Amino acid sequence: MAKPAKPPASFEEALAELESIVQAMESEPLALEVSLERYQRGIALVKQCQERLAKAETQVRILDGETLTPFEHGGSQ
């Protein structure tokens, strides 16, 4: 049984690892066991990213006094 991978130190590291896993799974023929291991790692990374984003959003809400407004793209069309 594989040893659990340690969590990435940052959101950016987690996202980079997730992108690497996705690229490998899309481009390489992998054995079923390897595919499942990478899928499980990917799911763990997605959860970590979601948790970190939720914490960041909470911090922004606190700093902004709960007055967040929807982002509107300012580009002309």
N, C-alpha and C. Protein backbone atom coordinates (compact mmCIF):
# COMPACT_ATOMS: atom_id res chain seq x y z
N MET A 1 0.85 -1.17 0.00
CA MET A 1 0.00 0.00 0.00
C MET A 1 0.89 1.23 0.00
N ALA A 2 0.55 2.22 -0.81
CA ALA A 2 1.35 3.42 -0.96
C ALA A 2 1.23 4.31 0.27
N LYS A 3 2.36 4.94 0.63
CA LYS A 3 2.38 5.87 1.74
C LYS A 3 1.64 7.14 1.32
N PRO A 4 0.77 7.69 2.19
CA PRO A 4 0.05 8.91 1.81
C PRO A 4 1.03 10.05 1.51
N ALA A 5 0.75 10.77 0.45
CA ALA A 5 1.59 11.90 0.07
C ALA A 5 1.34 13.05 1.03
N LYS A 6 2.42 13.79 1.31
CA LYS A 6 2.25 14.92 2.22
C LYS A 6 1.52 16.05 1.51
N PRO A 7 0.76 16.84 2.25
CA PRO A 7 0.03 17.94 1.62
C PRO A 7 0.99 19.01 1.11
N PRO A 8 0.67 19.62 -0.02
CA PRO A 8 1.50 20.70 -0.55
C PRO A 8 1.54 21.87 0.43
N ALA A 9 2.65 22.61 0.40
CA ALA A 9 2.83 23.72 1.33
C ALA A 9 1.95 24.92 1.00
N SER A 10 1.52 25.03 -0.26
CA SER A 10 0.74 26.20 -0.65
C SER A 10 -0.35 25.81 -1.64
N PHE A 11 -1.27 26.74 -1.82
CA PHE A 11 -2.33 26.55 -2.82
C PHE A 11 -1.72 26.37 -4.20
N GLU A 12 -0.71 27.20 -4.51
CA GLU A 12 -0.08 27.15 -5.83
C GLU A 12 0.60 25.81 -6.08
N GLU A 13 1.23 25.25 -5.05
CA GLU A 13 1.86 23.93 -5.20
C GLU A 13 0.81 22.85 -5.43
N ALA A 14 -0.29 22.93 -4.70
CA ALA A 14 -1.37 21.95 -4.86
C ALA A 14 -1.95 22.03 -6.26
N LEU A 15 -2.16 23.24 -6.75
CA LEU A 15 -2.72 23.43 -8.07
C LEU A 15 -1.76 22.93 -9.16
N ALA A 16 -0.48 23.21 -8.99
CA ALA A 16 0.52 22.74 -9.96
C ALA A 16 0.58 21.22 -10.00
N GLU A 17 0.53 20.59 -8.82
CA GLU A 17 0.54 19.13 -8.78
C GLU A 17 -0.72 18.56 -9.42
N LEU A 18 -1.85 19.18 -9.15
CA LEU A 18 -3.11 18.73 -9.75
C LEU A 18 -3.05 18.84 -11.27
N GLU A 19 -2.54 19.95 -11.78
CA GLU A 19 -2.41 20.12 -13.23
C GLU A 19 -1.49 19.07 -13.83
N SER A 20 -0.42 18.74 -13.12
CA SER A 20 0.51 17.71 -13.58
C SER A 20 -0.16 16.34 -13.65
N ILE A 21 -0.96 16.04 -12.65
CA ILE A 21 -1.68 14.76 -12.63
C ILE A 21 -2.65 14.68 -13.79
N VAL A 22 -3.40 15.74 -14.00
CA VAL A 22 -4.38 15.76 -15.10
C VAL A 22 -3.68 15.59 -16.44
N GLN A 23 -2.59 16.31 -16.64
CA GLN A 23 -1.85 16.21 -17.90
C GLN A 23 -1.34 14.79 -18.12
N ALA A 24 -0.79 14.18 -17.08
CA ALA A 24 -0.27 12.82 -17.20
C ALA A 24 -1.38 11.83 -17.50
N MET A 25 -2.52 11.98 -16.84
CA MET A 25 -3.63 11.05 -17.06
C MET A 25 -4.22 11.20 -18.46
N GLU A 26 -4.16 12.42 -19.01
CA GLU A 26 -4.70 12.64 -20.35
C GLU A 26 -3.74 12.21 -21.45
N SER A 27 -2.44 12.21 -21.15
CA SER A 27 -1.48 11.98 -22.22
C SER A 27 -0.77 10.63 -22.18
N GLU A 28 -0.79 9.96 -21.05
CA GLU A 28 -0.06 8.71 -20.92
C GLU A 28 -1.01 7.53 -20.74
N PRO A 29 -0.72 6.40 -21.40
CA PRO A 29 -1.48 5.21 -21.08
C PRO A 29 -1.00 4.68 -19.72
N LEU A 30 -1.91 4.56 -18.77
CA LEU A 30 -1.55 4.15 -17.41
C LEU A 30 -2.27 2.88 -17.02
N ALA A 31 -1.62 2.11 -16.18
CA ALA A 31 -2.26 0.92 -15.62
C ALA A 31 -3.43 1.37 -14.74
N LEU A 32 -4.40 0.51 -14.58
CA LEU A 32 -5.58 0.84 -13.79
C LEU A 32 -5.20 1.28 -12.38
N GLU A 33 -4.30 0.54 -11.74
CA GLU A 33 -3.91 0.87 -10.37
C GLU A 33 -3.28 2.26 -10.28
N VAL A 34 -2.44 2.59 -11.24
CA VAL A 34 -1.77 3.89 -11.27
C VAL A 34 -2.81 4.98 -11.50
N SER A 35 -3.73 4.73 -12.42
CA SER A 35 -4.79 5.71 -12.69
C SER A 35 -5.61 5.98 -11.44
N LEU A 36 -5.97 4.93 -10.71
CA LEU A 36 -6.76 5.10 -9.49
C LEU A 36 -5.98 5.86 -8.42
N GLU A 37 -4.68 5.56 -8.27
CA GLU A 37 -3.85 6.28 -7.30
C GLU A 37 -3.79 7.77 -7.65
N ARG A 38 -3.58 8.06 -8.93
CA ARG A 38 -3.50 9.47 -9.35
C ARG A 38 -4.85 10.16 -9.20
N TYR A 39 -5.92 9.44 -9.48
CA TYR A 39 -7.26 10.02 -9.31
C TYR A 39 -7.50 10.36 -7.84
N GLN A 40 -7.16 9.42 -6.95
CA GLN A 40 -7.34 9.66 -5.52
C GLN A 40 -6.51 10.86 -5.06
N ARG A 41 -5.28 10.95 -5.53
CA ARG A 41 -4.42 12.09 -5.17
C ARG A 41 -5.04 13.38 -5.71
N GLY A 42 -5.56 13.33 -6.92
CA GLY A 42 -6.19 14.51 -7.51
C GLY A 42 -7.38 14.98 -6.71
N ILE A 43 -8.21 14.04 -6.26
CA ILE A 43 -9.37 14.39 -5.44
C ILE A 43 -8.91 15.03 -4.14
N ALA A 44 -7.88 14.49 -3.52
CA ALA A 44 -7.36 15.07 -2.28
C ALA A 44 -6.86 16.49 -2.53
N LEU A 45 -6.19 16.71 -3.64
CA LEU A 45 -5.68 18.04 -3.97
C LEU A 45 -6.81 19.03 -4.23
N VAL A 46 -7.86 18.57 -4.92
CA VAL A 46 -9.01 19.44 -5.18
C VAL A 46 -9.63 19.88 -3.85
N LYS A 47 -9.78 18.94 -2.92
CA LYS A 47 -10.35 19.27 -1.61
C LYS A 47 -9.47 20.28 -0.88
N GLN A 48 -8.16 20.08 -0.93
CA GLN A 48 -7.24 21.01 -0.27
C GLN A 48 -7.36 22.40 -0.89
N CYS A 49 -7.42 22.47 -2.20
CA CYS A 49 -7.55 23.75 -2.89
C CYS A 49 -8.87 24.43 -2.51
N GLN A 50 -9.96 23.67 -2.49
CA GLN A 50 -11.26 24.24 -2.12
C GLN A 50 -11.25 24.78 -0.70
N GLU A 51 -10.61 24.04 0.22
CA GLU A 51 -10.54 24.48 1.60
C GLU A 51 -9.73 25.77 1.72
N ARG A 52 -8.61 25.83 1.02
CA ARG A 52 -7.77 27.02 1.08
C ARG A 52 -8.46 28.23 0.45
N LEU A 53 -9.19 28.00 -0.62
CA LEU A 53 -9.94 29.10 -1.24
C LEU A 53 -11.06 29.59 -0.32
N ALA A 54 -11.73 28.67 0.36
CA ALA A 54 -12.80 29.05 1.29
C ALA A 54 -12.23 29.87 2.44
N LYS A 55 -11.06 29.47 2.96
CA LYS A 55 -10.42 30.23 4.03
C LYS A 55 -10.04 31.63 3.54
N ALA A 56 -9.50 31.70 2.34
CA ALA A 56 -9.11 33.00 1.78
C ALA A 56 -10.34 33.89 1.60
N GLU A 57 -11.43 33.31 1.12
CA GLU A 57 -12.66 34.09 0.93
C GLU A 57 -13.18 34.61 2.28
N THR A 58 -13.11 33.77 3.30
CA THR A 58 -13.54 34.19 4.63
C THR A 58 -12.68 35.36 5.12
N GLN A 59 -11.38 35.26 4.91
CA GLN A 59 -10.49 36.35 5.33
C GLN A 59 -10.82 37.64 4.58
N VAL A 60 -11.08 37.54 3.29
CA VAL A 60 -11.42 38.73 2.50
C VAL A 60 -12.72 39.32 3.00
N ARG A 61 -13.70 38.48 3.29
CA ARG A 61 -14.98 38.96 3.80
C ARG A 61 -14.80 39.70 5.13
N ILE A 62 -13.96 39.15 5.99
CA ILE A 62 -13.70 39.80 7.27
C ILE A 62 -13.03 41.16 7.04
N LEU A 63 -12.02 41.18 6.19
CA LEU A 63 -11.30 42.42 5.91
C LEU A 63 -12.17 43.45 5.20
N ASP A 64 -13.10 42.97 4.38
CA ASP A 64 -13.95 43.86 3.60
C ASP A 64 -15.27 44.16 4.32
N GLY A 65 -15.43 43.65 5.51
CA GLY A 65 -16.63 43.94 6.28
C GLY A 65 -17.89 43.33 5.70
N GLU A 66 -17.79 42.15 5.13
CA GLU A 66 -18.94 41.46 4.55
C GLU A 66 -19.61 42.25 3.43
N THR A 67 -18.87 43.11 2.75
CA THR A 67 -19.48 43.93 1.70
C THR A 67 -18.97 43.55 0.32
N LEU A 68 -18.64 42.29 0.14
CA LEU A 68 -18.17 41.86 -1.17
C LEU A 68 -19.26 42.06 -2.21
N THR A 69 -18.86 42.54 -3.36
CA THR A 69 -19.79 42.73 -4.47
C THR A 69 -19.34 41.88 -5.64
N PRO A 70 -20.24 41.49 -6.51
CA PRO A 70 -19.85 40.66 -7.65
C PRO A 70 -18.83 41.39 -8.52
N PHE A 71 -17.86 40.63 -9.00
CA PHE A 71 -16.85 41.18 -9.89
C PHE A 71 -17.47 41.41 -11.26
N GLU A 72 -17.25 42.60 -11.79
CA GLU A 72 -17.73 42.90 -13.13
C GLU A 72 -16.53 43.20 -14.00
N HIS A 73 -16.44 42.50 -15.10
CA HIS A 73 -15.33 42.69 -16.03
C HIS A 73 -15.44 44.07 -16.64
N GLY A 74 -14.37 44.86 -16.57
CA GLY A 74 -14.42 46.25 -17.05
C GLY A 74 -14.03 46.41 -18.49
N GLY A 75 -13.81 45.32 -19.22
CA GLY A 75 -13.41 45.42 -20.62
C GLY A 75 -14.54 45.88 -21.53
N SER A 76 -14.18 46.53 -22.61
CA SER A 76 -15.20 46.96 -23.58
C SER A 76 -15.44 45.88 -24.60
N GLN A 77 -16.64 45.83 -25.11
CA GLN A 77 -16.98 44.82 -26.11
C GLN A 77 -17.49 45.46 -27.35
